[in-house]
Amino acid sequence: MSENTLSGEFELEGENLSPAEASTAIESTPVKEEHDYGLVKPEKKSSPHFYSSYCYYPKNVKFINQEHDEEIILLIRRRFIVNLPWIATGVFLAIIGPILFPFMIASLPIAPLTPIQSTILIAFYLLVVFGFMLTKFSLWYFHIGIVTNKRIKDIDIRGVLYKDTAESRINLIQDVKYSQVGFLPSLFNFGDVYIQTAGAEPNIEFDRAPQPARIAKIIGNMLRTHK
């Protein structure tokens, strides 16, 4: 056997290669891995936390009208960093309110309050602040996007009594793109993902979503898979 001929458990098609050329060819050969829409599917699903804004293959997550063979690939909320303004406002009000309360009462033309009355009013004030923060958190928590192997859902919660849901099958989606403009979106890696649908189907938007490039890539690869 010639020195330039390789032997073993594999064969190289074409002309005989030198050992150096064969080594280069083997290293450049793509390794076949288990992928899902172009990205590696995790061996174990992850459990989303109450503060999770991006979860790939979430565990123990279901939604209404989910089909028996439908699997959730992405669970998306707005980047948690967008909650900082109302969190800071709520903490400021909770701290400064009880401090200024005695001075505010003293400036009013009313009889001095008893300690019990002052305690009740401060507790009521803190309850209002807590209600404000709970409402803001609920509007963020339930404002979600869902990407499955069959469709995309966008659930918008814009108020306590306002809910808007849009969804589209994967085969009805025409295009997907994302926008990431400004210092904070670039620093904390969040932006808007726009999903264009066909016909009378409503367009879908994931606003201030984390990792918008990755989300757009997953959906784009799904479109090519379903064609």
Protein backbone atom coordinates (compact mmCIF):
# COMPACT_ATOMS: atom_id res chain seq x y z
CA MET A 1 0.00 0.00 0.00
CA SER A 2 1.30 3.46 -0.91
CA GLU A 3 2.28 5.87 1.87
CA ASN A 4 -0.16 8.43 0.43
CA THR A 5 -3.09 6.05 0.75
CA LEU A 6 -5.22 6.31 3.90
CA SER A 7 -6.77 3.25 5.46
CA GLY A 8 -9.15 2.82 8.34
CA GLU A 9 -12.89 3.03 8.99
CA PHE A 10 -13.54 5.82 6.47
CA GLU A 11 -12.93 6.49 2.81
CA LEU A 12 -12.33 9.70 0.89
CA GLU A 13 -13.85 9.91 -2.54
CA GLY A 14 -11.78 11.18 -5.48
CA GLU A 15 -8.07 11.08 -6.01
CA ASN A 16 -5.62 9.91 -3.38
CA LEU A 17 -4.78 12.68 -0.91
CA SER A 18 -1.69 13.25 1.14
CA PRO A 19 -2.03 12.83 4.92
CA ALA A 20 -1.96 16.62 5.40
CA GLU A 21 -4.69 17.15 2.76
CA ALA A 22 -6.77 14.33 4.20
CA SER A 23 -6.52 15.81 7.69
CA THR A 24 -7.66 19.21 6.40
CA ALA A 25 -10.57 17.63 4.51
CA ILE A 26 -11.72 15.73 7.60
CA GLU A 27 -11.58 18.84 9.80
CA SER A 28 -13.58 20.87 7.26
CA THR A 29 -16.30 18.22 6.92
CA PRO A 30 -19.41 19.49 8.74
CA VAL A 31 -20.47 17.41 11.73
CA LYS A 32 -24.09 16.42 11.64
CA GLU A 33 -25.85 17.45 14.84
CA GLU A 34 -29.46 17.45 15.96
CA HIS A 35 -30.76 20.90 15.17
CA ASP A 36 -34.17 22.50 15.44
CA TYR A 37 -34.83 25.34 12.97
CA GLY A 38 -31.13 25.98 12.66
CA LEU A 39 -30.35 26.11 16.38
CA VAL A 40 -29.40 23.29 18.69
CA LYS A 41 -32.36 21.88 20.58
CA PRO A 42 -31.59 21.60 24.28
CA GLU A 43 -31.51 18.17 25.85
CA LYS A 44 -33.47 19.45 28.85
CA LYS A 45 -36.20 22.07 28.76
CA SER A 46 -35.81 25.07 31.06
CA SER A 47 -38.32 26.22 33.65
CA PRO A 48 -39.21 29.91 33.25
CA HIS A 49 -39.07 32.12 36.34
CA PHE A 50 -41.45 34.95 37.21
CA TYR A 51 -38.87 37.40 35.83
CA SER A 52 -38.07 35.41 32.64
CA SER A 53 -38.36 37.42 29.45
CA TYR A 54 -36.92 34.81 27.06
CA CYS A 55 -37.22 31.06 27.40
CA TYR A 56 -36.17 28.55 24.72
CA TYR A 57 -38.24 25.34 24.88
CA PRO A 58 -39.91 26.22 28.21
CA LYS A 59 -41.04 23.45 30.54
CA ASN A 60 -44.52 23.18 32.06
CA VAL A 61 -45.98 25.97 29.90
CA LYS A 62 -49.35 25.57 28.20
CA PHE A 63 -51.86 27.89 26.54
CA ILE A 64 -55.53 27.75 25.59
CA ASN A 65 -56.36 25.77 22.43
CA GLN A 66 -52.89 24.23 22.26
CA GLU A 67 -52.92 21.15 20.05
CA HIS A 68 -51.77 17.81 21.41
CA ASP A 69 -48.73 17.63 19.12
CA GLU A 70 -47.90 21.36 19.34
CA GLU A 71 -44.65 22.20 21.11
CA ILE A 72 -43.73 25.62 22.44
CA ILE A 73 -40.34 26.74 21.15
CA LEU A 74 -40.17 30.30 22.49
CA LEU A 75 -41.83 32.13 25.36
CA ILE A 76 -41.19 35.86 25.02
CA ARG A 77 -41.89 38.85 27.23
CA ARG A 78 -40.53 42.36 27.13
CA ARG A 79 -37.00 42.71 28.46
CA PHE A 80 -37.22 42.96 32.25
CA ILE A 81 -35.08 46.08 32.19
CA VAL A 82 -38.06 48.04 30.78
CA ASN A 83 -39.75 47.66 34.20
CA LEU A 84 -37.13 49.74 35.99
CA PRO A 85 -38.98 53.10 35.63
CA TRP A 86 -42.14 51.95 37.41
CA ILE A 87 -40.15 49.90 39.93
CA ALA A 88 -38.09 52.97 40.82
CA THR A 89 -41.25 55.10 41.01
CA GLY A 90 -42.99 52.60 43.31
CA VAL A 91 -39.99 52.28 45.63
CA PHE A 92 -39.60 56.07 45.78
CA LEU A 93 -43.27 56.59 46.64
CA ALA A 94 -43.18 53.82 49.26
CA ILE A 95 -40.19 55.46 50.99
CA ILE A 96 -40.95 59.15 50.64
CA GLY A 97 -44.70 58.94 51.37
CA PRO A 98 -44.56 57.89 55.05
CA ILE A 99 -41.74 60.41 55.65
CA LEU A 100 -43.69 63.38 54.24
CA PHE A 101 -47.07 62.24 55.58
CA PRO A 102 -46.85 63.98 59.01
CA PHE A 103 -45.81 67.29 57.40
CA MET A 104 -48.66 67.07 54.87
CA ILE A 105 -51.22 66.41 57.60
CA ALA A 106 -49.86 69.25 59.71
CA SER A 107 -50.29 71.68 56.81
CA LEU A 108 -53.99 70.84 56.42
CA PRO A 109 -56.70 72.76 58.34
CA ILE A 110 -57.88 69.68 60.22
CA ALA A 111 -57.63 68.40 63.75
CA PRO A 112 -54.45 66.44 64.59
CA LEU A 113 -54.75 62.74 63.91
CA THR A 114 -54.34 60.09 66.51
CA PRO A 115 -51.51 57.56 66.11
CA ILE A 116 -54.02 54.89 65.10
CA GLN A 117 -55.56 57.15 62.42
CA SER A 118 -52.12 58.03 61.07
CA THR A 119 -51.15 54.37 60.92
CA ILE A 120 -54.34 53.49 59.05
CA LEU A 121 -53.83 56.28 56.48
CA ILE A 122 -50.18 55.32 55.92
CA ALA A 123 -51.17 51.66 55.51
CA PHE A 124 -53.83 52.66 52.99
CA TYR A 125 -51.28 54.78 51.12
CA LEU A 126 -48.80 51.88 50.97
CA LEU A 127 -51.59 49.60 49.78
CA VAL A 128 -52.27 51.97 46.88
CA VAL A 129 -48.57 52.01 45.98
CA PHE A 130 -48.46 48.21 46.14
CA GLY A 131 -51.55 48.03 43.91
CA PHE A 132 -49.85 50.33 41.40
CA MET A 133 -46.74 48.12 41.28
CA LEU A 134 -48.78 44.89 41.11
CA THR A 135 -50.79 46.24 38.18
CA LYS A 136 -47.64 47.27 36.31
CA PHE A 137 -46.05 43.87 36.93
CA SER A 138 -49.19 42.04 35.76
CA LEU A 139 -49.32 44.07 32.55
CA TRP A 140 -45.71 43.06 31.86
CA TYR A 141 -46.03 39.44 32.96
CA PHE A 142 -49.11 38.59 30.88
CA HIS A 143 -47.98 40.54 27.80
CA ILE A 144 -46.33 37.60 26.03
CA GLY A 145 -45.43 36.14 22.67
CA ILE A 146 -45.45 32.41 21.94
CA VAL A 147 -43.71 30.64 19.07
CA THR A 148 -44.62 27.00 18.52
CA ASN A 149 -43.80 24.49 15.80
CA LYS A 150 -47.16 25.34 14.17
CA ARG A 151 -48.01 28.98 14.84
CA ILE A 152 -47.11 32.28 16.46
CA LYS A 153 -49.26 34.02 19.09
CA ASP A 154 -49.01 37.56 20.37
CA ILE A 155 -51.00 38.39 23.52
CA ASP A 156 -51.05 42.13 24.25
CA ILE A 157 -52.26 43.33 27.64
CA ARG A 158 -52.51 47.12 27.51
CA GLY A 159 -54.77 47.65 30.52
CA VAL A 160 -56.59 45.86 33.29
CA LEU A 161 -59.63 45.38 31.05
CA TYR A 162 -57.95 45.33 27.62
CA LYS A 163 -56.57 42.23 25.95
CA ASP A 164 -55.69 41.81 22.28
CA THR A 165 -54.61 38.46 20.81
CA ALA A 166 -53.18 37.90 17.33
CA GLU A 167 -51.93 34.64 15.90
CA SER A 168 -50.86 33.17 12.59
CA ARG A 169 -49.93 29.76 11.26
CA ILE A 170 -46.33 29.37 10.20
CA ASN A 171 -47.25 28.71 6.55
CA LEU A 172 -49.06 32.09 6.40
CA ILE A 173 -46.05 34.13 7.46
CA GLN A 174 -44.30 35.96 4.64
CA ASP A 175 -41.42 37.78 6.27
CA VAL A 176 -39.75 38.49 9.61
CA LYS A 177 -37.39 41.29 10.58
CA TYR A 178 -36.24 43.08 13.70
CA SER A 179 -35.30 46.59 14.74
CA GLN A 180 -32.85 47.56 17.47
CA VAL A 181 -32.42 51.33 17.70
CA GLY A 182 -30.90 53.36 20.51
CA PHE A 183 -28.30 53.06 23.24
CA LEU A 184 -30.32 51.07 25.79
CA PRO A 185 -31.65 48.49 23.29
CA SER A 186 -28.12 47.92 22.04
CA LEU A 187 -26.65 47.78 25.54
CA PHE A 188 -29.22 45.36 26.96
CA ASN A 189 -29.86 43.53 23.66
CA PHE A 190 -33.59 44.06 23.14
CA GLY A 191 -35.67 45.35 20.25
CA ASP A 192 -38.82 44.92 18.17
CA VAL A 193 -39.51 41.85 16.04
CA TYR A 194 -41.93 42.36 13.14
CA ILE A 195 -43.72 39.39 11.57
CA GLN A 196 -45.54 40.02 8.29
CA THR A 197 -48.41 37.69 7.49
CA ALA A 198 -50.35 36.98 4.31
CA GLY A 199 -53.82 38.14 3.36
CA ALA A 200 -56.21 39.26 6.07
CA GLU A 201 -54.10 37.80 8.86
CA PRO A 202 -52.97 40.51 11.34
CA ASN A 203 -49.28 41.34 11.44
CA ILE A 204 -47.57 40.37 14.67
CA GLU A 205 -45.07 42.41 16.66
CA PHE A 206 -42.98 41.46 19.69
CA ASP A 207 -42.03 44.85 21.12
CA ARG A 208 -38.93 45.30 23.30
CA ALA A 209 -38.21 41.60 23.09
CA PRO A 210 -34.84 40.24 24.27
CA GLN A 211 -32.38 38.84 21.73
CA PRO A 212 -34.39 40.05 18.70
CA ALA A 213 -31.81 38.76 16.20
CA ARG A 214 -32.04 35.26 17.64
CA ILE A 215 -35.85 35.34 17.63
CA ALA A 216 -35.91 36.51 14.02
CA LYS A 217 -33.42 33.77 13.07
CA ILE A 218 -35.51 31.03 14.66
CA ILE A 219 -38.71 32.20 12.97
CA GLY A 220 -36.90 32.72 9.63
CA ASN A 221 -35.55 29.18 9.72
CA MET A 222 -39.03 27.90 10.54
CA LEU A 223 -40.35 29.63 7.42
CA ARG A 224 -37.78 27.89 5.24
CA THR A 225 -38.55 24.55 6.91
CA HIS A 226 -42.29 24.84 6.29
CA LYS A 227 -41.99 25.82 2.62
